[in-house]
Amino acid sequence: MSTPPWWNELTEASTVLAASDRAEVDMWRGGPETDEFGLPMEFDEDDVPPLTVRLGSLSRSFAENASAMNSQERRQVLGVLEKLQATGSEEDSTAVITPDSSRRYS
């Protein structure tokens, strides 16, 4: 599944959400990809969890960490989501409002 063009804007709004998303993608892939020297490798941009799973993970992270985020971070995150609801594609808008019931990929 590919990452939508607006995803970076969403995750760059908060370092907490960016770290949460990186951890979710690493778990999806079975861990961070490294070469024989332990250095990070290039990865397939399309090897990521489904969008609703990633959004579900970010929503949990946001809920768990909102009090630690400053008001500007919270406004930026919610502003990106609001903009998607107002002007995004139907697919993106639906993904943003769809609750995620899955959790782990074992």
Protein backbone atom coordinates (compact mmCIF):
# COMPACT_ATOMS: atom_id res chain seq x y z
CA MET A 1 0.00 0.00 0.00
CA SER A 2 1.39 3.38 -0.88
CA THR A 3 1.64 6.40 1.37
CA PRO A 4 -0.62 9.32 0.39
CA PRO A 5 1.04 12.62 -0.51
CA TRP A 6 -0.34 14.39 2.58
CA TRP A 7 1.11 11.83 5.03
CA ASN A 8 4.39 13.71 5.56
CA GLU A 9 2.51 16.90 6.41
CA LEU A 10 0.59 14.99 9.07
CA THR A 11 3.56 13.23 10.65
CA GLU A 12 5.81 16.30 10.43
CA ALA A 13 3.29 18.20 12.55
CA SER A 14 4.46 16.29 15.63
CA THR A 15 7.69 14.53 16.52
CA VAL A 16 5.68 12.17 18.73
CA LEU A 17 3.45 11.14 15.83
CA ALA A 18 6.42 10.81 13.48
CA ALA A 19 8.17 8.46 15.93
CA SER A 20 4.96 6.50 16.42
CA ASP A 21 4.52 6.08 12.67
CA ARG A 22 8.14 4.96 12.19
CA ALA A 23 7.67 2.34 14.93
CA GLU A 24 4.42 1.12 13.35
CA VAL A 25 6.04 0.77 9.92
CA ASP A 26 9.06 -1.03 11.42
CA MET A 27 6.74 -3.45 13.22
CA TRP A 28 4.82 -4.05 9.97
CA ARG A 29 8.08 -4.90 8.21
CA GLY A 30 9.30 -7.09 11.05
CA GLY A 31 11.82 -4.56 12.32
CA PRO A 32 14.04 -1.87 10.87
CA GLU A 33 15.83 -2.96 7.71
CA THR A 34 19.60 -2.89 8.07
CA ASP A 35 22.51 -4.13 6.03
CA GLU A 36 25.24 -6.52 7.23
CA PHE A 37 26.93 -3.58 9.03
CA GLY A 38 23.76 -2.58 10.88
CA LEU A 39 23.25 0.53 8.77
CA PRO A 40 19.72 1.50 7.66
CA MET A 41 18.85 0.27 4.17
CA GLU A 42 16.61 1.75 1.52
CA PHE A 43 13.13 0.31 1.82
CA ASP A 44 10.20 -0.14 -0.46
CA GLU A 45 8.00 2.93 0.01
CA ASP A 46 4.94 0.79 -0.66
CA ASP A 47 5.75 -1.72 2.11
CA VAL A 48 3.70 0.02 4.77
CA PRO A 49 0.56 -0.88 6.73
CA PRO A 50 -2.83 0.00 5.21
CA LEU A 51 -3.74 3.64 5.61
CA THR A 52 -6.54 3.00 8.11
CA VAL A 53 -4.14 0.99 10.30
CA ARG A 54 -1.55 3.77 10.22
CA LEU A 55 -4.20 6.39 11.01
CA GLY A 56 -5.52 4.21 13.84
CA SER A 57 -2.02 4.01 15.30
CA LEU A 58 -1.56 7.76 15.00
CA SER A 59 -4.92 8.43 16.62
CA ARG A 60 -3.96 6.24 19.60
CA SER A 61 -0.59 7.97 19.84
CA PHE A 62 -2.26 11.38 19.63
CA ALA A 63 -4.75 10.48 22.38
CA GLU A 64 -2.02 9.07 24.63
CA ASN A 65 0.36 12.00 24.12
CA ALA A 66 -1.87 15.04 23.51
CA SER A 67 -1.24 16.48 26.95
CA ALA A 68 2.53 16.37 26.35
CA MET A 69 2.23 18.14 22.97
CA ASN A 70 2.21 21.89 22.81
CA SER A 71 -0.91 23.61 21.51
CA GLN A 72 0.72 24.43 18.17
CA GLU A 73 1.50 20.74 17.53
CA ARG A 74 -2.06 19.72 18.37
CA ARG A 75 -3.50 22.46 16.14
CA GLN A 76 -1.24 21.46 13.24
CA VAL A 77 -2.19 17.78 13.45
CA LEU A 78 -5.89 18.52 13.70
CA GLY A 79 -5.59 21.18 10.98
CA VAL A 80 -4.15 18.66 8.50
CA LEU A 81 -6.98 16.24 9.26
CA GLU A 82 -9.59 18.98 8.98
CA LYS A 83 -8.17 20.07 5.63
CA LEU A 84 -8.37 16.46 4.39
CA GLN A 85 -12.00 16.29 5.43
CA ALA A 86 -12.79 19.53 3.64
CA THR A 87 -10.72 19.25 0.48
CA GLY A 88 -9.23 15.74 0.29
CA SER A 89 -10.32 12.92 -1.94
CA GLU A 90 -13.24 10.76 -0.89
CA GLU A 91 -10.80 7.91 -0.21
CA ASP A 92 -8.61 10.05 2.06
CA SER A 93 -11.58 11.58 3.83
CA THR A 94 -13.08 8.14 4.47
CA ALA A 95 -9.77 6.79 5.77
CA VAL A 96 -9.47 9.69 8.21
CA ILE A 97 -12.88 9.02 9.76
CA THR A 98 -12.75 5.20 9.69
CA PRO A 99 -11.95 3.69 13.09
CA ASP A 100 -9.27 1.02 13.11
CA SER A 101 -10.12 -2.21 14.90
CA SER A 102 -6.88 -4.05 14.12
CA ARG A 103 -3.77 -3.67 16.18
CA ARG A 104 -0.79 -5.96 15.57
CA TYR A 105 0.58 -7.96 12.67
CA SER A 106 1.88 -11.28 13.94
